[in-house]
Amino acid sequence: MRGDNEQQAGMYSYISPEQRVPADHPLRPIRKMTHEIFKQLSPRFDQLYSRVGRPSIAPERLLRALLLQVFYSVRSERMLMEQLQYNLLFRWFVGLNMDDRVWDATTFTKNRDRLLRDEIAAEFFAAVLALARTQELLSDEHFTVDGTLVEGWASLKSFRPKEQSSGGKRDEPDDPGNSDGQLSWPKTLQ
């Protein structure tokens, strides 16, 4: 029997984000580590923030979000805010409830700059790294490759000028990496 394709307008769930994240997920020990580090940094946070005025982004949430940005190679804070809008794992790790508003990227950046200026962020990241090292969560067996540096088979650099692909002679451009606009599809794509 074919299932129903009815779209749900609202979402009600009786399962918490804590229950949805698998018990063996790698972010669980890191979240626990950050909680311990934040206990130590709490007096410094109190000194950094005023007791009057509008509340800012909680520094604990901001620093956890920055960790996610590093772990998942999110290339901009605007994209990080987008991920926080709909990624349940990210919301759980940062400490946002399902109905909490995600911050504006500019507000996030200004709050981040405050933590960087007062070197609390550097202290936090150093503490996370040290704790991860003592708990043997780091490995030198892995390496990362920036995928933007890998040449794609259909990138602009794979296009060849028409005269070159048909065997005809032509003058070489001043910059062979940037052609003069006379491009044709590689034979594999024709």
N, C-alpha and C. Protein backbone atom coordinates (compact mmCIF):
# COMPACT_ATOMS: atom_id res chain seq x y z
N MET A 1 0.84 -1.18 0.00
CA MET A 1 0.00 0.00 0.00
C MET A 1 0.89 1.24 0.00
N ARG A 2 0.53 2.20 -0.81
CA ARG A 2 1.31 3.44 -0.92
C ARG A 2 1.08 4.31 0.31
N GLY A 3 2.18 4.86 0.86
CA GLY A 3 2.09 5.74 2.01
C GLY A 3 1.55 7.11 1.63
N ASP A 4 1.07 7.81 2.63
CA ASP A 4 0.50 9.14 2.44
C ASP A 4 1.62 10.17 2.30
N ASN A 5 1.44 11.14 1.43
CA ASN A 5 2.43 12.19 1.19
C ASN A 5 1.95 13.53 1.72
N GLU A 6 1.18 13.52 2.76
CA GLU A 6 0.65 14.76 3.33
C GLU A 6 1.76 15.51 4.06
N GLN A 7 1.81 16.82 3.84
CA GLN A 7 2.84 17.65 4.47
C GLN A 7 2.35 18.16 5.82
N GLN A 8 3.24 18.15 6.78
CA GLN A 8 2.92 18.59 8.14
C GLN A 8 3.24 20.08 8.27
N ALA A 9 2.30 20.86 8.73
CA ALA A 9 2.51 22.30 8.86
C ALA A 9 3.29 22.64 10.12
N GLY A 10 3.04 21.95 11.20
CA GLY A 10 3.73 22.20 12.46
C GLY A 10 4.41 20.95 12.94
N MET A 11 5.29 21.11 13.92
CA MET A 11 6.00 19.94 14.42
C MET A 11 5.87 19.89 15.94
N TYR A 12 5.36 18.79 16.40
CA TYR A 12 5.29 18.53 17.83
C TYR A 12 6.03 17.23 18.06
N SER A 13 6.92 17.23 19.02
CA SER A 13 7.69 16.02 19.29
C SER A 13 7.79 15.82 20.79
N TYR A 14 7.69 14.58 21.18
CA TYR A 14 7.82 14.24 22.59
C TYR A 14 9.20 13.68 22.90
N ILE A 15 10.06 13.69 21.89
CA ILE A 15 11.43 13.19 22.06
C ILE A 15 12.36 14.40 22.09
N SER A 16 13.17 14.48 23.10
CA SER A 16 14.08 15.63 23.24
C SER A 16 15.27 15.47 22.29
N PRO A 17 15.93 16.58 21.96
CA PRO A 17 17.14 16.49 21.14
C PRO A 17 18.19 15.59 21.81
N GLU A 18 18.24 15.62 23.12
CA GLU A 18 19.18 14.76 23.86
C GLU A 18 18.95 13.28 23.52
N GLN A 19 17.69 12.89 23.39
CA GLN A 19 17.36 11.50 23.06
C GLN A 19 17.61 11.19 21.59
N ARG A 20 17.55 12.18 20.74
CA ARG A 20 17.72 11.95 19.30
C ARG A 20 19.18 11.77 18.90
N VAL A 21 20.10 12.37 19.65
CA VAL A 21 21.52 12.24 19.32
C VAL A 21 22.00 10.88 19.84
N PRO A 22 22.58 10.05 18.98
CA PRO A 22 23.02 8.73 19.40
C PRO A 22 24.00 8.78 20.58
N ALA A 23 23.90 7.80 21.44
CA ALA A 23 24.74 7.76 22.65
C ALA A 23 26.23 7.71 22.32
N ASP A 24 26.58 7.13 21.17
CA ASP A 24 27.99 7.00 20.81
C ASP A 24 28.46 8.08 19.82
N HIS A 25 27.68 9.14 19.68
CA HIS A 25 28.08 10.20 18.74
C HIS A 25 29.35 10.88 19.26
N PRO A 26 30.31 11.18 18.37
CA PRO A 26 31.58 11.79 18.80
C PRO A 26 31.45 13.15 19.47
N LEU A 27 30.34 13.86 19.22
CA LEU A 27 30.18 15.17 19.86
C LEU A 27 29.80 15.06 21.33
N ARG A 28 29.29 13.91 21.76
CA ARG A 28 28.88 13.78 23.17
C ARG A 28 30.04 14.00 24.15
N PRO A 29 31.19 13.31 23.99
CA PRO A 29 32.28 13.58 24.94
C PRO A 29 32.82 15.01 24.84
N ILE A 30 32.77 15.58 23.65
CA ILE A 30 33.25 16.96 23.49
C ILE A 30 32.31 17.93 24.19
N ARG A 31 31.01 17.68 24.09
CA ARG A 31 30.06 18.56 24.78
C ARG A 31 30.27 18.47 26.30
N LYS A 32 30.52 17.27 26.79
CA LYS A 32 30.78 17.08 28.22
C LYS A 32 32.07 17.82 28.63
N MET A 33 33.09 17.75 27.78
CA MET A 33 34.33 18.46 28.06
C MET A 33 34.11 19.96 28.12
N THR A 34 33.34 20.48 27.16
CA THR A 34 33.11 21.93 27.14
C THR A 34 32.36 22.37 28.39
N HIS A 35 31.46 21.53 28.88
CA HIS A 35 30.72 21.86 30.11
C HIS A 35 31.69 22.04 31.28
N GLU A 36 32.66 21.16 31.39
CA GLU A 36 33.66 21.26 32.46
C GLU A 36 34.52 22.51 32.30
N ILE A 37 34.90 22.81 31.09
CA ILE A 37 35.73 24.00 30.84
C ILE A 37 34.95 25.27 31.15
N PHE A 38 33.66 25.29 30.81
CA PHE A 38 32.84 26.47 31.07
C PHE A 38 32.68 26.72 32.57
N LYS A 39 32.68 25.68 33.37
CA LYS A 39 32.63 25.87 34.83
C LYS A 39 33.84 26.68 35.29
N GLN A 40 35.00 26.38 34.71
CA GLN A 40 36.22 27.09 35.08
C GLN A 40 36.23 28.52 34.54
N LEU A 41 35.65 28.72 33.37
CA LEU A 41 35.68 30.05 32.74
C LEU A 41 34.54 30.96 33.18
N SER A 42 33.58 30.44 33.91
CA SER A 42 32.41 31.22 34.29
C SER A 42 32.75 32.53 35.00
N PRO A 43 33.68 32.55 35.97
CA PRO A 43 34.03 33.84 36.60
C PRO A 43 34.59 34.86 35.60
N ARG A 44 35.34 34.38 34.60
CA ARG A 44 35.88 35.29 33.58
C ARG A 44 34.75 35.85 32.72
N PHE A 45 33.75 35.01 32.41
CA PHE A 45 32.60 35.48 31.64
C PHE A 45 31.86 36.56 32.42
N ASP A 46 31.70 36.35 33.73
CA ASP A 46 30.99 37.32 34.56
C ASP A 46 31.68 38.69 34.53
N GLN A 47 33.01 38.70 34.51
CA GLN A 47 33.76 39.95 34.47
C GLN A 47 33.63 40.64 33.11
N LEU A 48 33.47 39.86 32.07
CA LEU A 48 33.45 40.38 30.70
C LEU A 48 32.13 41.06 30.35
N TYR A 49 31.03 40.60 30.95
CA TYR A 49 29.70 41.08 30.58
C TYR A 49 29.12 41.99 31.66
N SER A 50 28.38 42.99 31.21
CA SER A 50 27.71 43.92 32.12
C SER A 50 26.49 43.26 32.73
N ARG A 51 26.07 43.76 33.88
CA ARG A 51 24.87 43.23 34.53
C ARG A 51 23.60 43.96 34.06
N VAL A 52 23.76 45.05 33.31
CA VAL A 52 22.61 45.81 32.79
C VAL A 52 22.66 45.80 31.26
N GLY A 53 21.53 46.10 30.65
CA GLY A 53 21.45 46.14 29.20
C GLY A 53 20.80 44.89 28.63
N ARG A 54 20.81 44.82 27.31
CA ARG A 54 20.22 43.66 26.66
C ARG A 54 21.13 42.46 26.81
N PRO A 55 20.55 41.27 26.97
CA PRO A 55 21.39 40.08 27.08
C PRO A 55 22.04 39.77 25.73
N SER A 56 23.28 39.36 25.78
CA SER A 56 24.00 39.00 24.56
C SER A 56 23.85 37.49 24.33
N ILE A 57 24.52 37.00 23.32
CA ILE A 57 24.58 35.56 23.10
C ILE A 57 25.39 34.97 24.26
N ALA A 58 24.88 33.93 24.87
CA ALA A 58 25.62 33.29 25.96
C ALA A 58 26.99 32.85 25.43
N PRO A 59 28.07 33.21 26.12
CA PRO A 59 29.40 32.87 25.61
C PRO A 59 29.60 31.36 25.45
N GLU A 60 28.93 30.58 26.31
CA GLU A 60 29.04 29.13 26.19
C GLU A 60 28.47 28.64 24.86
N ARG A 61 27.33 29.19 24.49
CA ARG A 61 26.70 28.79 23.23
C ARG A 61 27.53 29.27 22.04
N LEU A 62 28.04 30.46 22.14
CA LEU A 62 28.85 31.02 21.06
C LEU A 62 30.10 30.18 20.84
N LEU A 63 30.78 29.81 21.90
CA LEU A 63 32.02 29.03 21.77
C LEU A 63 31.73 27.62 21.27
N ARG A 64 30.62 27.03 21.71
CA ARG A 64 30.25 25.71 21.17
C ARG A 64 29.95 25.81 19.67
N ALA A 65 29.29 26.89 19.27
CA ALA A 65 28.99 27.07 17.84
C ALA A 65 30.29 27.21 17.04
N LEU A 66 31.27 27.92 17.59
CA LEU A 66 32.56 28.06 16.91
C LEU A 66 33.26 26.71 16.79
N LEU A 67 33.12 25.87 17.80
CA LEU A 67 33.68 24.52 17.71
C LEU A 67 33.05 23.75 16.55
N LEU A 68 31.73 23.85 16.41
CA LEU A 68 31.05 23.18 15.31
C LEU A 68 31.55 23.71 13.97
N GLN A 69 31.79 25.00 13.90
CA GLN A 69 32.26 25.59 12.66
C GLN A 69 33.61 24.97 12.27
N VAL A 70 34.46 24.73 13.25
CA VAL A 70 35.76 24.11 12.98
C VAL A 70 35.59 22.64 12.65
N PHE A 71 34.84 21.91 13.46
CA PHE A 71 34.68 20.46 13.27
C PHE A 71 34.06 20.10 11.93
N TYR A 72 33.08 20.87 11.50
CA TYR A 72 32.35 20.55 10.29
C TYR A 72 32.73 21.43 9.10
N SER A 73 33.82 22.18 9.23
CA SER A 73 34.34 23.02 8.15
C SER A 73 33.26 23.91 7.54
N VAL A 74 32.49 24.56 8.39
CA VAL A 74 31.48 25.51 7.91
C VAL A 74 32.25 26.78 7.56
N ARG A 75 32.16 27.20 6.31
CA ARG A 75 33.10 28.23 5.82
C ARG A 75 32.76 29.66 6.19
N SER A 76 31.58 29.92 6.74
CA SER A 76 31.27 31.28 7.14
C SER A 76 30.30 31.26 8.32
N GLU A 77 30.27 32.36 9.04
CA GLU A 77 29.35 32.45 10.17
C GLU A 77 27.91 32.54 9.70
N ARG A 78 27.69 33.10 8.52
CA ARG A 78 26.36 33.15 7.96
C ARG A 78 25.86 31.72 7.68
N MET A 79 26.72 30.88 7.14
CA MET A 79 26.35 29.49 6.89
C MET A 79 26.18 28.72 8.20
N LEU A 80 26.97 29.08 9.20
CA LEU A 80 26.82 28.45 10.51
C LEU A 80 25.45 28.76 11.10
N MET A 81 25.00 30.01 10.96
CA MET A 81 23.67 30.38 11.46
C MET A 81 22.58 29.63 10.69
N GLU A 82 22.80 29.42 9.40
CA GLU A 82 21.84 28.65 8.60
C GLU A 82 21.77 27.20 9.10
N GLN A 83 22.92 26.61 9.37
CA GLN A 83 22.95 25.25 9.90
C GLN A 83 22.25 25.18 11.26
N LEU A 84 22.48 26.17 12.10
CA LEU A 84 21.83 26.18 13.40
C LEU A 84 20.32 26.31 13.29
N GLN A 85 19.86 26.90 12.18
CA GLN A 85 18.43 27.07 11.97
C GLN A 85 17.72 25.72 11.82
N TYR A 86 18.35 24.78 11.12
CA TYR A 86 17.64 23.53 10.82
C TYR A 86 18.37 22.24 11.20
N ASN A 87 19.60 22.30 11.63
CA ASN A 87 20.34 21.09 11.95
C ASN A 87 20.15 20.75 13.43
N LEU A 88 19.43 19.69 13.69
CA LEU A 88 19.10 19.30 15.06
C LEU A 88 20.34 18.98 15.88
N LEU A 89 21.33 18.33 15.28
CA LEU A 89 22.56 18.00 15.99
C LEU A 89 23.28 19.28 16.42
N PHE A 90 23.36 20.26 15.53
CA PHE A 90 24.00 21.52 15.85
C PHE A 90 23.26 22.24 16.99
N ARG A 91 21.94 22.26 16.91
CA ARG A 91 21.13 22.92 17.95
C ARG A 91 21.38 22.25 19.30
N TRP A 92 21.41 20.92 19.30
CA TRP A 92 21.64 20.18 20.56
C TRP A 92 23.01 20.53 21.13
N PHE A 93 24.04 20.49 20.28
CA PHE A 93 25.40 20.72 20.76
C PHE A 93 25.56 22.13 21.33
N VAL A 94 24.99 23.11 20.64
CA VAL A 94 25.10 24.51 21.08
C VAL A 94 24.27 24.77 22.33
N GLY A 95 23.14 24.06 22.45
CA GLY A 95 22.27 24.25 23.60
C GLY A 95 21.01 25.04 23.27
N LEU A 96 20.63 25.05 22.00
CA LEU A 96 19.42 25.75 21.58
C LEU A 96 18.23 24.79 21.60
N ASN A 97 17.10 25.27 22.10
CA ASN A 97 15.87 24.49 22.02
C ASN A 97 15.32 24.60 20.61
N MET A 98 14.37 23.74 20.29
CA MET A 98 13.81 23.73 18.93
C MET A 98 13.16 25.07 18.55
N ASP A 99 12.57 25.76 19.50
CA ASP A 99 11.88 27.01 19.20
C ASP A 99 12.72 28.26 19.42
N ASP A 100 13.96 28.10 19.87
CA ASP A 100 14.84 29.26 20.08
C ASP A 100 15.21 29.88 18.74
N ARG A 101 15.21 31.21 18.72
CA ARG A 101 15.64 31.92 17.52
C ARG A 101 17.15 31.80 17.36
N VAL A 102 17.58 31.66 16.12
CA VAL A 102 19.01 31.65 15.82
C VAL A 102 19.45 33.09 15.67
N TRP A 103 20.66 33.38 16.05
CA TRP A 103 21.18 34.74 16.05
C TRP A 103 21.43 35.24 14.64
N ASP A 104 21.39 36.53 14.50
CA ASP A 104 21.79 37.17 13.27
C ASP A 104 23.31 37.01 13.14
N ALA A 105 23.80 36.78 11.93
CA ALA A 105 25.23 36.53 11.73
C ALA A 105 26.09 37.71 12.19
N THR A 106 25.61 38.93 11.99
CA THR A 106 26.37 40.11 12.41
C THR A 106 26.46 40.18 13.93
N THR A 107 25.36 39.89 14.60
CA THR A 107 25.36 39.87 16.07
C THR A 107 26.32 38.80 16.58
N PHE A 108 26.28 37.65 15.95
CA PHE A 108 27.17 36.56 16.33
C PHE A 108 28.63 37.00 16.19
N THR A 109 28.95 37.63 15.07
CA THR A 109 30.32 38.08 14.82
C THR A 109 30.79 39.10 15.85
N LYS A 110 29.93 40.05 16.19
CA LYS A 110 30.31 41.07 17.18
C LYS A 110 30.55 40.45 18.56
N ASN A 111 29.72 39.49 18.93
CA ASN A 111 29.91 38.81 20.21
C ASN A 111 31.17 37.95 20.19
N ARG A 112 31.43 37.31 19.06
CA ARG A 112 32.65 36.50 18.91
C ARG A 112 33.89 37.38 19.04
N ASP A 113 33.85 38.55 18.41
CA ASP A 113 34.99 39.46 18.47
C ASP A 113 35.30 39.86 19.90
N ARG A 114 34.27 40.04 20.73
CA ARG A 114 34.50 40.38 22.13
C ARG A 114 35.28 39.27 22.84
N LEU A 115 34.91 38.03 22.58
CA LEU A 115 35.61 36.91 23.21
C LEU A 115 37.03 36.76 22.68
N LEU A 116 37.22 37.03 21.39
CA LEU A 116 38.57 36.95 20.83
C LEU A 116 39.46 38.07 21.35
N ARG A 117 38.90 39.26 21.48
CA ARG A 117 39.66 40.42 21.95
C ARG A 117 40.16 40.20 23.37
N ASP A 118 39.33 39.59 24.21
CA ASP A 118 39.72 39.36 25.59
C ASP A 118 40.41 38.01 25.80
N GLU A 119 40.75 37.35 24.73
CA GLU A 119 41.52 36.11 24.72
C GLU A 119 40.86 34.94 25.46
N ILE A 120 39.59 35.06 25.77
CA ILE A 120 38.88 33.95 26.42
C ILE A 120 38.68 32.82 25.41
N ALA A 121 38.40 33.17 24.16
CA ALA A 121 38.20 32.14 23.13
C ALA A 121 39.47 31.32 22.95
N ALA A 122 40.62 31.97 22.91
CA ALA A 122 41.89 31.24 22.76
C ALA A 122 42.12 30.32 23.96
N GLU A 123 41.80 30.82 25.13
CA GLU A 123 41.95 30.01 26.34
C GLU A 123 41.00 28.80 26.30
N PHE A 124 39.78 29.03 25.82
CA PHE A 124 38.81 27.94 25.71
C PHE A 124 39.30 26.87 24.74
N PHE A 125 39.72 27.29 23.54
CA PHE A 125 40.17 26.32 22.55
C PHE A 125 41.41 25.56 23.02
N ALA A 126 42.31 26.24 23.71
CA ALA A 126 43.49 25.57 24.25
C ALA A 126 43.08 24.53 25.31
N ALA A 127 42.09 24.87 26.14
CA ALA A 127 41.61 23.93 27.15
C ALA A 127 40.93 22.73 26.52
N VAL A 128 40.15 22.95 25.46
CA VAL A 128 39.49 21.83 24.76
C VAL A 128 40.55 20.91 24.17
N LEU A 129 41.54 21.48 23.54
CA LEU A 129 42.60 20.69 22.93
C LEU A 129 43.38 19.90 23.99
N ALA A 130 43.70 20.55 25.10
CA ALA A 130 44.44 19.86 26.17
C ALA A 130 43.62 18.72 26.76
N LEU A 131 42.35 18.97 27.01
CA LEU A 131 41.48 17.94 27.58
C LEU A 131 41.29 16.79 26.59
N ALA A 132 41.13 17.10 25.32
CA ALA A 132 40.99 16.06 24.30
C ALA A 132 42.25 15.22 24.21
N ARG A 133 43.40 15.85 24.38
CA ARG A 133 44.67 15.12 24.34
C ARG A 133 44.79 14.18 25.54
N THR A 134 44.42 14.66 26.73
CA THR A 134 44.52 13.80 27.92
C THR A 134 43.53 12.65 27.88
N GLN A 135 42.40 12.83 27.22
CA GLN A 135 41.40 11.76 27.11
C GLN A 135 41.60 10.92 25.85
N GLU A 136 42.73 11.15 25.17
CA GLU A 136 43.11 10.40 23.97
C GLU A 136 42.03 10.45 22.89
N LEU A 137 41.45 11.63 22.70
CA LEU A 137 40.46 11.82 21.64
C LEU A 137 41.09 12.34 20.35
N LEU A 138 42.39 12.64 20.39
CA LEU A 138 43.09 13.14 19.21
C LEU A 138 43.83 12.00 18.53
N SER A 139 43.99 12.13 17.24
CA SER A 139 44.69 11.12 16.48
C SER A 139 45.53 11.79 15.41
N ASP A 140 46.72 11.24 15.18
CA ASP A 140 47.54 11.76 14.09
C ASP A 140 47.47 10.84 12.88
N GLU A 141 46.55 9.88 12.91
CA GLU A 141 46.38 8.94 11.80
C GLU A 141 45.53 9.52 10.68
N HIS A 142 44.85 10.59 10.91
CA HIS A 142 43.95 11.16 9.92
C HIS A 142 44.53 12.45 9.36
N PHE A 143 44.15 12.77 8.17
CA PHE A 143 44.50 14.06 7.60
C PHE A 143 43.32 14.58 6.82
N THR A 144 43.31 15.86 6.58
CA THR A 144 42.20 16.49 5.90
C THR A 144 42.71 17.13 4.62
N VAL A 145 41.92 17.02 3.58
CA VAL A 145 42.25 17.66 2.31
C VAL A 145 41.17 18.70 2.04
N ASP A 146 41.60 19.89 1.70
CA ASP A 146 40.65 20.93 1.33
C ASP A 146 40.12 20.60 -0.06
N GLY A 147 38.85 20.22 -0.14
CA GLY A 147 38.26 19.80 -1.40
C GLY A 147 38.22 20.88 -2.45
N THR A 148 38.35 22.14 -2.06
CA THR A 148 38.33 23.21 -3.06
C THR A 148 39.60 23.21 -3.88
N LEU A 149 40.64 22.53 -3.40
CA LEU A 149 41.90 22.48 -4.14
C LEU A 149 41.97 21.31 -5.10
N VAL A 150 41.04 20.38 -5.00
CA VAL A 150 41.02 19.23 -5.88
C VAL A 150 40.34 19.63 -7.19
N GLU A 151 41.01 19.36 -8.31
CA GLU A 151 40.46 19.77 -9.60
C GLU A 151 39.26 18.90 -9.95
N GLY A 152 38.16 19.54 -10.21
CA GLY A 152 36.94 18.82 -10.60
C GLY A 152 36.98 18.49 -12.08
N TRP A 153 36.36 17.39 -12.48
CA TRP A 153 36.40 16.98 -13.88
C TRP A 153 35.60 17.90 -14.77
N ALA A 154 34.69 18.68 -14.22
CA ALA A 154 33.90 19.60 -15.04
C ALA A 154 34.15 21.05 -14.65
N SER A 155 35.32 21.33 -14.11
CA SER A 155 35.61 22.71 -13.73
C SER A 155 35.96 23.53 -14.97
N LEU A 156 35.98 24.84 -14.80
CA LEU A 156 36.34 25.71 -15.92
C LEU A 156 37.75 25.41 -16.42
N LYS A 157 38.63 24.97 -15.53
CA LYS A 157 40.00 24.68 -15.93
C LYS A 157 40.07 23.46 -16.84
N SER A 158 39.04 22.61 -16.85
CA SER A 158 39.06 21.43 -17.72
C SER A 158 38.62 21.76 -19.15
N PHE A 159 38.05 22.94 -19.36
CA PHE A 159 37.66 23.35 -20.71
C PHE A 159 38.91 23.68 -21.52
N ARG A 160 38.89 23.36 -22.80
CA ARG A 160 40.00 23.67 -23.67
C ARG A 160 39.51 24.57 -24.81
N PRO A 161 40.33 25.51 -25.25
CA PRO A 161 39.95 26.34 -26.39
C PRO A 161 39.64 25.46 -27.61
N LYS A 162 38.72 25.88 -28.45
CA LYS A 162 38.28 25.09 -29.60
C LYS A 162 39.43 24.70 -30.50
N GLU A 163 40.32 25.64 -30.77
CA GLU A 163 41.44 25.34 -31.67
C GLU A 163 42.34 24.26 -31.11
N GLN A 164 42.55 24.26 -29.78
CA GLN A 164 43.41 23.24 -29.17
C GLN A 164 42.77 21.87 -29.23
N SER A 165 41.47 21.77 -28.95
CA SER A 165 40.82 20.48 -28.92
C SER A 165 40.66 19.90 -30.32
N SER A 166 40.62 20.74 -31.36
CA SER A 166 40.47 20.24 -32.73
C SER A 166 41.81 20.07 -33.41
N GLY A 167 42.90 20.31 -32.72
CA GLY A 167 44.22 20.11 -33.29
C GLY A 167 44.80 21.33 -33.97
N GLY A 168 44.06 22.42 -34.07
CA GLY A 168 44.55 23.63 -34.73
C GLY A 168 45.54 24.37 -33.88
N LYS A 169 46.42 25.15 -34.51
CA LYS A 169 47.41 25.94 -33.79
C LYS A 169 46.82 27.28 -33.42
N ARG A 170 47.27 27.81 -32.30
CA ARG A 170 46.87 29.15 -31.91
C ARG A 170 47.90 29.71 -30.97
N ASP A 171 47.92 31.03 -30.84
CA ASP A 171 48.87 31.68 -29.93
C ASP A 171 48.49 31.35 -28.50
N GLU A 172 49.48 31.12 -27.68
CA GLU A 172 49.24 30.85 -26.26
C GLU A 172 48.84 32.14 -25.56
N PRO A 173 47.87 32.12 -24.68
CA PRO A 173 47.50 33.33 -23.95
C PRO A 173 48.59 33.72 -22.95
N ASP A 174 48.56 34.98 -22.52
CA ASP A 174 49.54 35.45 -21.54
C ASP A 174 49.46 34.64 -20.26
N ASP A 175 48.25 34.31 -19.85
CA ASP A 175 48.03 33.54 -18.63
C ASP A 175 47.29 32.26 -19.01
N PRO A 176 47.99 31.13 -19.10
CA PRO A 176 47.32 29.90 -19.53
C PRO A 176 46.23 29.44 -18.58
N GLY A 177 46.25 29.91 -17.33
CA GLY A 177 45.21 29.53 -16.38
C GLY A 177 43.90 30.23 -16.63
N ASN A 178 43.95 31.37 -17.30
CA ASN A 178 42.75 32.13 -17.61
C ASN A 178 42.66 32.28 -19.11
N SER A 179 41.74 31.57 -19.70
CA SER A 179 41.62 31.63 -21.15
C SER A 179 40.90 32.91 -21.56
N ASP A 180 40.85 33.15 -22.84
CA ASP A 180 40.24 34.38 -23.35
C ASP A 180 38.79 34.21 -23.73
N GLY A 181 38.12 33.19 -23.21
CA GLY A 181 36.69 33.05 -23.42
C GLY A 181 36.31 32.08 -24.53
N GLN A 182 37.26 31.57 -25.32
CA GLN A 182 36.94 30.62 -26.37
C GLN A 182 37.05 29.22 -25.81
N LEU A 183 35.96 28.76 -25.23
CA LEU A 183 35.96 27.47 -24.56
C LEU A 183 35.08 26.48 -25.29
N SER A 184 35.41 25.21 -25.16
CA SER A 184 34.55 24.15 -25.67
C SER A 184 34.47 23.06 -24.62
N TRP A 185 33.48 22.20 -24.75
CA TRP A 185 33.32 21.11 -23.79
C TRP A 185 34.43 20.09 -24.01
N PRO A 186 34.93 19.49 -22.93
CA PRO A 186 35.90 18.39 -23.11
C PRO A 186 35.22 17.25 -23.87
N LYS A 187 35.99 16.44 -24.57
CA LYS A 187 35.44 15.35 -25.37
C LYS A 187 34.61 14.40 -24.54
N THR A 188 34.95 14.22 -23.28
CA THR A 188 34.18 13.31 -22.42
C THR A 188 32.78 13.81 -22.17
N LEU A 189 32.53 15.12 -22.32
CA LEU A 189 31.22 15.68 -22.06
C LEU A 189 30.41 15.91 -23.34
N GLN A 190 31.01 15.71 -24.53
CA GLN A 190 30.30 15.96 -25.79
C GLN A 190 29.40 14.80 -26.16
